[in-house]
PDB file of N, CA and C in Angstrom:
ATOM      1  N   UNK A   1      -9.988 -18.924   7.109  1.00  0.00           N
ATOM      2  CA  UNK A   1      -9.606 -17.552   6.920  1.00  0.00           C
ATOM      3  C   UNK A   1     -10.309 -16.626   7.906  1.00  0.00           C
ATOM      4  N   UNK A   2     -11.516 -16.994   8.275  1.00  0.00           N
ATOM      5  CA  UNK A   2     -12.246 -16.142   9.217  1.00  0.00           C
ATOM      6  C   UNK A   2     -11.566 -16.110  10.568  1.00  0.00           C
ATOM      7  N   UNK A   3     -11.073 -17.261  11.018  1.00  0.00           N
ATOM      8  CA  UNK A   3     -10.393 -17.311  12.307  1.00  0.00           C
ATOM      9  C   UNK A   3      -9.103 -16.506  12.261  1.00  0.00           C
ATOM     10  N   UNK A   4      -8.350 -16.617  11.180  1.00  0.00           N
ATOM     11  CA  UNK A   4      -7.110 -15.857  11.037  1.00  0.00           C
ATOM     12  C   UNK A   4      -7.396 -14.356  11.030  1.00  0.00           C
ATOM     13  N   UNK A   5      -8.405 -13.930  10.295  1.00  0.00           N
ATOM     14  CA  UNK A   5      -8.754 -12.513  10.282  1.00  0.00           C
ATOM     15  C   UNK A   5      -9.238 -12.037  11.634  1.00  0.00           C
ATOM     16  N   UNK A   6      -9.975 -12.885  12.349  1.00  0.00           N
ATOM     17  CA  UNK A   6     -10.424 -12.521  13.692  1.00  0.00           C
ATOM     18  C   UNK A   6      -9.228 -12.353  14.628  1.00  0.00           C
ATOM     19  N   UNK A   7      -8.284 -13.284  14.584  1.00  0.00           N
ATOM     20  CA  UNK A   7      -7.106 -13.187  15.445  1.00  0.00           C
ATOM     21  C   UNK A   7      -6.249 -11.974  15.090  1.00  0.00           C
ATOM     22  N   UNK A   8      -6.135 -11.683  13.807  1.00  0.00           N
ATOM     23  CA  UNK A   8      -5.384 -10.495  13.396  1.00  0.00           C
ATOM     24  C   UNK A   8      -6.077  -9.214  13.856  1.00  0.00           C
ATOM     25  N   UNK A   9      -7.404  -9.169  13.774  1.00  0.00           N
ATOM     26  CA  UNK A   9      -8.135  -7.996  14.240  1.00  0.00           C
ATOM     27  C   UNK A   9      -7.932  -7.784  15.736  1.00  0.00           C
ATOM     28  N   UNK A  10      -7.993  -8.865  16.501  1.00  0.00           N
ATOM     29  CA  UNK A  10      -7.765  -8.757  17.947  1.00  0.00           C
ATOM     30  C   UNK A  10      -6.332  -8.312  18.227  1.00  0.00           C
ATOM     31  N   UNK A  11      -5.376  -8.863  17.486  1.00  0.00           N
ATOM     32  CA  UNK A  11      -3.971  -8.487  17.684  1.00  0.00           C
ATOM     33  C   UNK A  11      -3.753  -7.005  17.382  1.00  0.00           C
ATOM     34  N   UNK A  12      -4.359  -6.501  16.312  1.00  0.00           N
ATOM     35  CA  UNK A  12      -4.190  -5.080  15.993  1.00  0.00           C
ATOM     36  C   UNK A  12      -4.895  -4.191  17.015  1.00  0.00           C
ATOM     37  N   UNK A  13      -6.019  -4.638  17.554  1.00  0.00           N
ATOM     38  CA  UNK A  13      -6.668  -3.855  18.605  1.00  0.00           C
ATOM     39  C   UNK A  13      -5.824  -3.821  19.868  1.00  0.00           C
ATOM     40  N   UNK A  14      -5.187  -4.934  20.192  1.00  0.00           N
ATOM     41  CA  UNK A  14      -4.289  -4.960  21.353  1.00  0.00           C
ATOM     42  C   UNK A  14      -3.086  -4.050  21.102  1.00  0.00           C
ATOM     43  N   UNK A  15      -2.537  -4.106  19.900  1.00  0.00           N
ATOM     44  CA  UNK A  15      -1.397  -3.241  19.583  1.00  0.00           C
ATOM     45  C   UNK A  15      -1.807  -1.773  19.633  1.00  0.00           C
ATOM     46  N   UNK A  16      -3.013  -1.456  19.195  1.00  0.00           N
ATOM     47  CA  UNK A  16      -3.487  -0.070  19.274  1.00  0.00           C
ATOM     48  C   UNK A  16      -3.666   0.368  20.717  1.00  0.00           C
ATOM     49  N   UNK A  17      -4.142  -0.527  21.573  1.00  0.00           N
ATOM     50  CA  UNK A  17      -4.347  -0.151  22.972  1.00  0.00           C
ATOM     51  C   UNK A  17      -3.026   0.021  23.715  1.00  0.00           C
ATOM     52  N   UNK A  18      -1.973  -0.617  23.241  1.00  0.00           N
ATOM     53  CA  UNK A  18      -0.664  -0.462  23.880  1.00  0.00           C
ATOM     54  C   UNK A  18       0.023   0.846  23.508  1.00  0.00           C
ATOM     55  N   UNK A  19      -0.485   1.559  22.532  1.00  0.00           N
ATOM     56  CA  UNK A  19       0.159   2.775  22.048  1.00  0.00           C
ATOM     57  C   UNK A  19      -0.312   4.038  22.745  1.00  0.00           C
ATOM     58  N   UNK A  20      -1.121   3.910  23.789  1.00  0.00           N
ATOM     59  CA  UNK A  20      -1.725   5.083  24.411  1.00  0.00           C
ATOM     60  C   UNK A  20      -0.674   6.017  25.010  1.00  0.00           C
ATOM     61  N   UNK A  21       0.364   5.478  25.617  1.00  0.00           N
ATOM     62  CA  UNK A  21       1.340   6.310  26.321  1.00  0.00           C
ATOM     63  C   UNK A  21       2.615   6.564  25.530  1.00  0.00           C
ATOM     64  N   UNK A  22       2.614   6.340  24.248  1.00  0.00           N
ATOM     65  CA  UNK A  22       3.826   6.532  23.453  1.00  0.00           C
ATOM     66  C   UNK A  22       3.778   7.857  22.712  1.00  0.00           C
ATOM     67  N   UNK A  23       4.902   8.228  22.139  1.00  0.00           N
ATOM     68  CA  UNK A  23       4.928   9.403  21.287  1.00  0.00           C
ATOM     69  C   UNK A  23       4.186   9.107  19.998  1.00  0.00           C
ATOM     70  N   UNK A  24       3.541  10.102  19.446  1.00  0.00           N
ATOM     71  CA  UNK A  24       2.720   9.943  18.236  1.00  0.00           C
ATOM     72  C   UNK A  24       1.629   8.898  18.440  1.00  0.00           C
ATOM     73  N   UNK A  25       1.005   8.915  19.595  1.00  0.00           N
ATOM     74  CA  UNK A  25       0.010   7.898  19.930  1.00  0.00           C
ATOM     75  C   UNK A  25      -1.167   7.910  18.960  1.00  0.00           C
ATOM     76  N   UNK A  26      -1.613   9.086  18.574  1.00  0.00           N
ATOM     77  CA  UNK A  26      -2.782   9.178  17.689  1.00  0.00           C
ATOM     78  C   UNK A  26      -2.487   8.522  16.345  1.00  0.00           C
ATOM     79  N   UNK A  27      -1.292   8.752  15.826  1.00  0.00           N
ATOM     80  CA  UNK A  27      -0.901   8.166  14.552  1.00  0.00           C
ATOM     81  C   UNK A  27      -0.941   6.645  14.610  1.00  0.00           C
ATOM     82  N   UNK A  28      -0.349   6.071  15.638  1.00  0.00           N
ATOM     83  CA  UNK A  28      -0.262   4.614  15.724  1.00  0.00           C
ATOM     84  C   UNK A  28      -1.602   3.979  16.059  1.00  0.00           C
ATOM     85  N   UNK A  29      -2.391   4.635  16.903  1.00  0.00           N
ATOM     86  CA  UNK A  29      -3.712   4.091  17.236  1.00  0.00           C
ATOM     87  C   UNK A  29      -4.604   4.091  15.998  1.00  0.00           C
ATOM     88  N   UNK A  30      -4.569   5.168  15.218  1.00  0.00           N
ATOM     89  CA  UNK A  30      -5.362   5.202  13.984  1.00  0.00           C
ATOM     90  C   UNK A  30      -4.893   4.163  12.979  1.00  0.00           C
ATOM     91  N   UNK A  31      -3.571   4.012  12.855  1.00  0.00           N
ATOM     92  CA  UNK A  31      -3.035   3.044  11.890  1.00  0.00           C
ATOM     93  C   UNK A  31      -3.420   1.619  12.278  1.00  0.00           C
ATOM     94  N   UNK A  32      -3.189   1.254  13.536  1.00  0.00           N
ATOM     95  CA  UNK A  32      -3.523  -0.103  13.965  1.00  0.00           C
ATOM     96  C   UNK A  32      -5.030  -0.312  14.026  1.00  0.00           C
ATOM     97  N   UNK A  33      -5.800   0.735  14.319  1.00  0.00           N
ATOM     98  CA  UNK A  33      -7.258   0.621  14.296  1.00  0.00           C
ATOM     99  C   UNK A  33      -7.783   0.381  12.887  1.00  0.00           C
ATOM    100  N   UNK A  34      -7.209   1.081  11.916  1.00  0.00           N
ATOM    101  CA  UNK A  34      -7.606   0.850  10.517  1.00  0.00           C
ATOM    102  C   UNK A  34      -7.243  -0.554  10.069  1.00  0.00           C
ATOM    103  N   UNK A  35      -6.117  -1.056  10.540  1.00  0.00           N
ATOM    104  CA  UNK A  35      -5.738  -2.426  10.190  1.00  0.00           C
ATOM    105  C   UNK A  35      -6.709  -3.437  10.808  1.00  0.00           C
ATOM    106  N   UNK A  36      -7.191  -3.153  12.010  1.00  0.00           N
ATOM    107  CA  UNK A  36      -8.199  -4.029  12.622  1.00  0.00           C
ATOM    108  C   UNK A  36      -9.488  -4.009  11.800  1.00  0.00           C
ATOM    109  N   UNK A  37      -9.859  -2.834  11.289  1.00  0.00           N
ATOM    110  CA  UNK A  37     -11.056  -2.724  10.449  1.00  0.00           C
ATOM    111  C   UNK A  37     -10.874  -3.521   9.164  1.00  0.00           C
ATOM    112  N   UNK A  38      -9.675  -3.470   8.583  1.00  0.00           N
ATOM    113  CA  UNK A  38      -9.392  -4.246   7.370  1.00  0.00           C
ATOM    114  C   UNK A  38      -9.558  -5.737   7.649  1.00  0.00           C
ATOM    115  N   UNK A  39      -9.098  -6.184   8.805  1.00  0.00           N
ATOM    116  CA  UNK A  39      -9.232  -7.604   9.154  1.00  0.00           C
ATOM    117  C   UNK A  39     -10.690  -7.988   9.385  1.00  0.00           C
ATOM    118  N   UNK A  40     -11.468  -7.088   9.968  1.00  0.00           N
ATOM    119  CA  UNK A  40     -12.902  -7.360  10.142  1.00  0.00           C
ATOM    120  C   UNK A  40     -13.585  -7.418   8.779  1.00  0.00           C
ATOM    121  N   UNK A  41     -13.194  -6.539   7.859  1.00  0.00           N
ATOM    122  CA  UNK A  41     -13.714  -6.623   6.490  1.00  0.00           C
ATOM    123  C   UNK A  41     -13.380  -7.985   5.876  1.00  0.00           C
ATOM    124  N   UNK A  42     -12.184  -8.478   6.145  1.00  0.00           N
ATOM    125  CA  UNK A  42     -11.764  -9.773   5.608  1.00  0.00           C
ATOM    126  C   UNK A  42     -12.586 -10.925   6.145  1.00  0.00           C
ATOM    127  N   UNK A  43     -13.091 -10.790   7.372  1.00  0.00           N
ATOM    128  CA  UNK A  43     -13.944 -11.839   7.934  1.00  0.00           C
ATOM    129  C   UNK A  43     -15.183 -12.029   7.069  1.00  0.00           C
ATOM    130  N   UNK A  44     -15.724 -10.920   6.564  1.00  0.00           N
ATOM    131  CA  UNK A  44     -16.949 -10.959   5.774  1.00  0.00           C
ATOM    132  C   UNK A  44     -16.686 -10.948   4.263  1.00  0.00           C
ATOM    133  N   UNK A  45     -15.424 -11.171   3.876  1.00  0.00           N
ATOM    134  CA  UNK A  45     -15.027 -11.178   2.458  1.00  0.00           C
ATOM    135  C   UNK A  45     -15.438  -9.897   1.743  1.00  0.00           C
ATOM    136  N   UNK A  46     -15.285  -8.790   2.424  1.00  0.00           N
ATOM    137  CA  UNK A  46     -15.572  -7.470   1.858  1.00  0.00           C
ATOM    138  C   UNK A  46     -14.238  -6.748   1.718  1.00  0.00           C
ATOM    139  N   UNK A  47     -13.836  -6.468   0.480  1.00  0.00           N
ATOM    140  CA  UNK A  47     -12.520  -5.893   0.214  1.00  0.00           C
ATOM    141  C   UNK A  47     -12.656  -4.618  -0.610  1.00  0.00           C
ATOM    142  N   UNK A  48     -12.814  -3.462   0.039  1.00  0.00           N
ATOM    143  CA  UNK A  48     -12.840  -2.210  -0.731  1.00  0.00           C
ATOM    144  C   UNK A  48     -11.413  -1.862  -1.176  1.00  0.00           C
ATOM    145  N   UNK A  49     -11.139  -2.109  -2.441  1.00  0.00           N
ATOM    146  CA  UNK A  49      -9.762  -1.952  -2.936  1.00  0.00           C
ATOM    147  C   UNK A  49      -9.260  -0.525  -2.839  1.00  0.00           C
ATOM    148  N   UNK A  50     -10.133   0.450  -3.029  1.00  0.00           N
ATOM    149  CA  UNK A  50      -9.702   1.839  -2.910  1.00  0.00           C
ATOM    150  C   UNK A  50      -9.221   2.129  -1.486  1.00  0.00           C
ATOM    151  N   UNK A  51      -9.933   1.609  -0.497  1.00  0.00           N
ATOM    152  CA  UNK A  51      -9.538   1.773   0.900  1.00  0.00           C
ATOM    153  C   UNK A  51      -8.228   1.045   1.182  1.00  0.00           C
ATOM    154  N   UNK A  52      -8.089  -0.161   0.640  1.00  0.00           N
ATOM    155  CA  UNK A  52      -6.869  -0.932   0.866  1.00  0.00           C
ATOM    156  C   UNK A  52      -5.651  -0.255   0.241  1.00  0.00           C
ATOM    157  N   UNK A  53      -5.796   0.244  -0.985  1.00  0.00           N
ATOM    158  CA  UNK A  53      -4.670   0.908  -1.628  1.00  0.00           C
ATOM    159  C   UNK A  53      -4.338   2.242  -0.964  1.00  0.00           C
ATOM    160  N   UNK A  54      -5.358   2.980  -0.521  1.00  0.00           N
ATOM    161  CA  UNK A  54      -5.072   4.241   0.172  1.00  0.00           C
ATOM    162  C   UNK A  54      -4.408   3.975   1.517  1.00  0.00           C
ATOM    163  N   UNK A  55      -4.817   2.924   2.198  1.00  0.00           N
ATOM    164  CA  UNK A  55      -4.177   2.561   3.463  1.00  0.00           C
ATOM    165  C   UNK A  55      -2.746   2.092   3.231  1.00  0.00           C
ATOM    166  N   UNK A  56      -2.503   1.422   2.118  1.00  0.00           N
ATOM    167  CA  UNK A  56      -1.141   1.038   1.764  1.00  0.00           C
ATOM    168  C   UNK A  56      -0.271   2.277   1.573  1.00  0.00           C
ATOM    169  N   UNK A  57      -0.808   3.285   0.925  1.00  0.00           N
ATOM    170  CA  UNK A  57      -0.075   4.544   0.773  1.00  0.00           C
ATOM    171  C   UNK A  57       0.199   5.216   2.103  1.00  0.00           C
ATOM    172  N   UNK A  58      -0.778   5.179   3.003  1.00  0.00           N
ATOM    173  CA  UNK A  58      -0.588   5.763   4.333  1.00  0.00           C
ATOM    174  C   UNK A  58       0.504   5.023   5.093  1.00  0.00           C
ATOM    175  N   UNK A  59       0.511   3.701   5.014  1.00  0.00           N
ATOM    176  CA  UNK A  59       1.541   2.915   5.700  1.00  0.00           C
ATOM    177  C   UNK A  59       2.919   3.242   5.142  1.00  0.00           C
ATOM    178  N   UNK A  60       3.023   3.416   3.845  1.00  0.00           N
ATOM    179  CA  UNK A  60       4.311   3.770   3.251  1.00  0.00           C
ATOM    180  C   UNK A  60       4.751   5.164   3.681  1.00  0.00           C
ATOM    181  N   UNK A  61       3.827   6.113   3.752  1.00  0.00           N
ATOM    182  CA  UNK A  61       4.167   7.466   4.213  1.00  0.00           C
ATOM    183  C   UNK A  61       4.585   7.435   5.681  1.00  0.00           C
ATOM    184  N   UNK A  62       3.897   6.665   6.494  1.00  0.00           N
ATOM    185  CA  UNK A  62       4.258   6.557   7.913  1.00  0.00           C
ATOM    186  C   UNK A  62       5.627   5.915   8.064  1.00  0.00           C
ATOM    187  N   UNK A  63       5.945   4.943   7.224  1.00  0.00           N
ATOM    188  CA  UNK A  63       7.260   4.313   7.320  1.00  0.00           C
ATOM    189  C   UNK A  63       8.363   5.306   6.966  1.00  0.00           C
ATOM    190  N   UNK A  64       8.132   6.156   5.968  1.00  0.00           N
ATOM    191  CA  UNK A  64       9.115   7.186   5.637  1.00  0.00           C
ATOM    192  C   UNK A  64       9.205   8.210   6.769  1.00  0.00           C
ATOM    193  N   UNK A  65       8.070   8.585   7.340  1.00  0.00           N
ATOM    194  CA  UNK A  65       8.028   9.552   8.440  1.00  0.00           C
ATOM    195  C   UNK A  65       8.783   9.033   9.663  1.00  0.00           C
ATOM    196  N   UNK A  66       8.552   7.777  10.026  1.00  0.00           N
ATOM    197  CA  UNK A  66       9.264   7.229  11.182  1.00  0.00           C
ATOM    198  C   UNK A  66      10.732   6.999  10.868  1.00  0.00           C
ATOM    199  N   UNK A  67      11.049   6.708   9.623  1.00  0.00           N
ATOM    200  CA  UNK A  67      12.445   6.569   9.236  1.00  0.00           C
ATOM    201  C   UNK A  67      13.185   7.889   9.336  1.00  0.00           C
ATOM    202  N   UNK A  68      12.518   8.981   8.993  1.00  0.00           N
ATOM    203  CA  UNK A  68      13.144  10.291   9.106  1.00  0.00           C
ATOM    204  C   UNK A  68      13.305  10.710  10.559  1.00  0.00           C
ATOM    205  N   UNK A  69      12.445  10.213  11.432  1.00  0.00           N
ATOM    206  CA  UNK A  69      12.567  10.515  12.853  1.00  0.00           C
ATOM    207  C   UNK A  69      13.615   9.648  13.537  1.00  0.00           C
ATOM    208  N   UNK A  70      14.084   8.623  12.869  1.00  0.00           N
ATOM    209  CA  UNK A  70      15.080   7.749  13.466  1.00  0.00           C
ATOM    210  C   UNK A  70      14.481   6.664  14.338  1.00  0.00           C
ATOM    211  N   UNK A  71      13.203   6.333  14.132  1.00  0.00           N
ATOM    212  CA  UNK A  71      12.549   5.328  14.964  1.00  0.00           C
ATOM    213  C   UNK A  71      12.708   3.923  14.414  1.00  0.00           C
ATOM    214  N   UNK A  72      13.222   3.776  13.215  1.00  0.00           N
ATOM    215  CA  UNK A  72      13.288   2.447  12.618  1.00  0.00           C
ATOM    216  C   UNK A  72      14.316   1.510  13.254  1.00  0.00           C
ATOM    217  N   UNK A  73      15.459   1.983  13.779  1.00  0.00           N
ATOM    218  CA  UNK A  73      16.369   1.013  14.392  1.00  0.00           C
ATOM    219  C   UNK A  73      15.828   0.363  15.662  1.00  0.00           C
ATOM    220  N   UNK A  74      14.808   0.944  16.285  1.00  0.00           N
ATOM    221  CA  UNK A  74      14.262   0.375  17.514  1.00  0.00           C
ATOM    222  C   UNK A  74      13.295  -0.756  17.190  1.00  0.00           C
ATOM    223  N   UNK A  75      13.525  -1.956  17.724  1.00  0.00           N
ATOM    224  CA  UNK A  75      12.593  -3.073  17.461  1.00  0.00           C
ATOM    225  C   UNK A  75      11.363  -2.990  18.349  1.00  0.00           C
ATOM    226  N   UNK A  76      10.600  -1.938  18.214  1.00  0.00           N
ATOM    227  CA  UNK A  76       9.428  -1.696  19.032  1.00  0.00           C
ATOM    228  C   UNK A  76       8.185  -1.947  18.184  1.00  0.00           C
ATOM    229  N   UNK A  77       7.035  -2.077  18.840  1.00  0.00           N
ATOM    230  CA  UNK A  77       5.784  -2.302  18.118  1.00  0.00           C
ATOM    231  C   UNK A  77       5.496  -1.136  17.180  1.00  0.00           C
ATOM    232  N   UNK A  78       5.767   0.098  17.624  1.00  0.00           N
ATOM    233  CA  UNK A  78       5.485   1.238  16.762  1.00  0.00           C
ATOM    234  C   UNK A  78       6.687   1.605  15.907  1.00  0.00           C
ATOM    235  N   UNK A  79       7.500   0.645  15.596  1.00  0.00           N
ATOM    236  CA  UNK A  79       8.624   0.836  14.696  1.00  0.00           C
ATOM    237  C   UNK A  79       8.489  -0.087  13.509  1.00  0.00           C
ATOM    238  N   UNK A  80       9.565  -0.735  13.138  1.00  0.00           N
ATOM    239  CA  UNK A  80       9.527  -1.587  11.946  1.00  0.00           C
ATOM    240  C   UNK A  80       8.675  -2.836  12.120  1.00  0.00           C
ATOM    241  N   UNK A  81       8.511  -3.307  13.346  1.00  0.00           N
ATOM    242  CA  UNK A  81       7.698  -4.519  13.560  1.00  0.00           C
ATOM    243  C   UNK A  81       6.233  -4.237  13.254  1.00  0.00           C
ATOM    244  N   UNK A  82       5.713  -3.139  13.766  1.00  0.00           N
ATOM    245  CA  UNK A  82       4.320  -2.778  13.502  1.00  0.00           C
ATOM    246  C   UNK A  82       4.065  -2.457  12.050  1.00  0.00           C
ATOM    247  N   UNK A  83       5.012  -1.750  11.424  1.00  0.00           N
ATOM    248  CA  UNK A  83       4.850  -1.412  10.013  1.00  0.00           C
ATOM    249  C   UNK A  83       4.932  -2.654   9.131  1.00  0.00           C
ATOM    250  N   UNK A  84       5.829  -3.573   9.481  1.00  0.00           N
ATOM    251  CA  UNK A  84       5.925  -4.814   8.702  1.00  0.00           C
ATOM    252  C   UNK A  84       4.649  -5.632   8.838  1.00  0.00           C
ATOM    253  N   UNK A  85       4.074  -5.663  10.039  1.00  0.00           N
ATOM    254  CA  UNK A  85       2.812  -6.380  10.234  1.00  0.00           C
ATOM    255  C   UNK A  85       1.703  -5.746   9.401  1.00  0.00           C
ATOM    256  N   UNK A  86       1.662  -4.427   9.363  1.00  0.00           N
ATOM    257  CA  UNK A  86       0.648  -3.733   8.561  1.00  0.00           C
ATOM    258  C   UNK A  86       0.816  -4.034   7.078  1.00  0.00           C
ATOM    259  N   UNK A  87       2.051  -3.975   6.593  1.00  0.00           N
ATOM    260  CA  UNK A  87       2.286  -4.245   5.174  1.00  0.00           C
ATOM    261  C   UNK A  87       1.955  -5.681   4.799  1.00  0.00           C
ATOM    262  N   UNK A  88       2.305  -6.629   5.672  1.00  0.00           N
ATOM    263  CA  UNK A  88       1.988  -8.034   5.384  1.00  0.00           C
ATOM    264  C   UNK A  88       0.490  -8.287   5.346  1.00  0.00           C
ATOM    265  N   UNK A  89      -0.229  -7.722   6.292  1.00  0.00           N
ATOM    266  CA  UNK A  89      -1.682  -7.924   6.315  1.00  0.00           C
ATOM    267  C   UNK A  89      -2.342  -7.236   5.128  1.00  0.00           C
ATOM    268  N   UNK A  90      -1.876  -6.043   4.768  1.00  0.00           N
ATOM    269  CA  UNK A  90      -2.442  -5.370   3.597  1.00  0.00           C
ATOM    270  C   UNK A  90      -2.178  -6.161   2.323  1.00  0.00           C
ATOM    271  N   UNK A  91      -0.974  -6.679   2.175  1.00  0.00           N
ATOM    272  CA  UNK A  91      -0.663  -7.493   0.997  1.00  0.00           C
ATOM    273  C   UNK A  91      -1.533  -8.751   0.976  1.00  0.00           C
ATOM    274  N   UNK A  92      -1.707  -9.375   2.124  1.00  0.00           N
ATOM    275  CA  UNK A  92      -2.547 -10.572   2.233  1.00  0.00           C
ATOM    276  C   UNK A  92      -3.989 -10.268   1.831  1.00  0.00           C
ATOM    277  N   UNK A  93      -4.531  -9.155   2.318  1.00  0.00           N
ATOM    278  CA  UNK A  93      -5.919  -8.811   1.999  1.00  0.00           C
ATOM    279  C   UNK A  93      -6.071  -8.399   0.536  1.00  0.00           C
ATOM    280  N   UNK A  94      -5.068  -7.728  -0.026  1.00  0.00           N
ATOM    281  CA  UNK A  94      -5.143  -7.366  -1.442  1.00  0.00           C
ATOM    282  C   UNK A  94      -5.095  -8.605  -2.339  1.00  0.00           C
ATOM    283  N   UNK A  95      -4.263  -9.562  -1.999  1.00  0.00           N
ATOM    284  CA  UNK A  95      -4.213 -10.805  -2.775  1.00  0.00           C
ATOM    285  C   UNK A  95      -5.540 -11.531  -2.679  1.00  0.00           C
ATOM    286  N   UNK A  96      -6.105 -11.578  -1.481  1.00  0.00           N
ATOM    287  CA  UNK A  96      -7.423 -12.221  -1.329  1.00  0.00           C
ATOM    288  C   UNK A  96      -8.501 -11.498  -2.109  1.00  0.00           C
ATOM    289  N   UNK A  97      -8.410 -10.158  -2.176  1.00  0.00           N
ATOM    290  CA  UNK A  97      -9.450  -9.413  -2.898  1.00  0.00           C
ATOM    291  C   UNK A  97      -9.418  -9.734  -4.383  1.00  0.00           C
ATOM    292  N   UNK A  98      -8.241  -9.944  -4.939  1.00  0.00           N
ATOM    293  CA  UNK A  98      -8.156 -10.275  -6.366  1.00  0.00           C
ATOM    294  C   UNK A  98      -8.497 -11.743  -6.629  1.00  0.00           C
ATOM    295  N   UNK A  99      -8.276 -12.609  -5.665  1.00  0.00           N
ATOM    296  CA  UNK A  99      -8.632 -14.018  -5.858  1.00  0.00           C
ATOM    297  C   UNK A  99     -10.132 -14.261  -5.728  1.00  0.00           C
ATOM    298  N   UNK A 100     -10.774 -13.555  -4.828  1.00  0.00           N
ATOM    299  CA  UNK A 100     -12.201 -13.759  -4.599  1.00  0.00           C
ATOM    300  C   UNK A 100     -13.029 -13.107  -5.695  1.00  0.00           C
ATOM    301  N   UNK A 101     -12.673 -11.872  -6.052  1.00  0.00           N
ATOM    302  CA  UNK A 101     -13.462 -11.162  -7.061  1.00  0.00           C
ATOM    303  C   UNK A 101     -12.948 -11.510  -8.375  1.00  0.00           C
TER     304      UNK A 101
END
């Protein structure tokens, strides 16, 4: 699990670095940066559930926001692919938090 969390953290950092020249860059860099932090927390089996649930709410709000902007039909990293990756990793970390504790 540590290797998977490490690879996910690196992947989210790379995705955050690719968002520098896009529209809404700050939003996507913060979102992918927070996801990298969640993966680093997972390396050390530290799961702050309040942070995970609040980040889940933020991801859902961002998905509605990008859907209203019409960005969801584009198969781009800062579209449905990035949001799906965030939701999958958050669900994975939440399941692990309930199994470990």
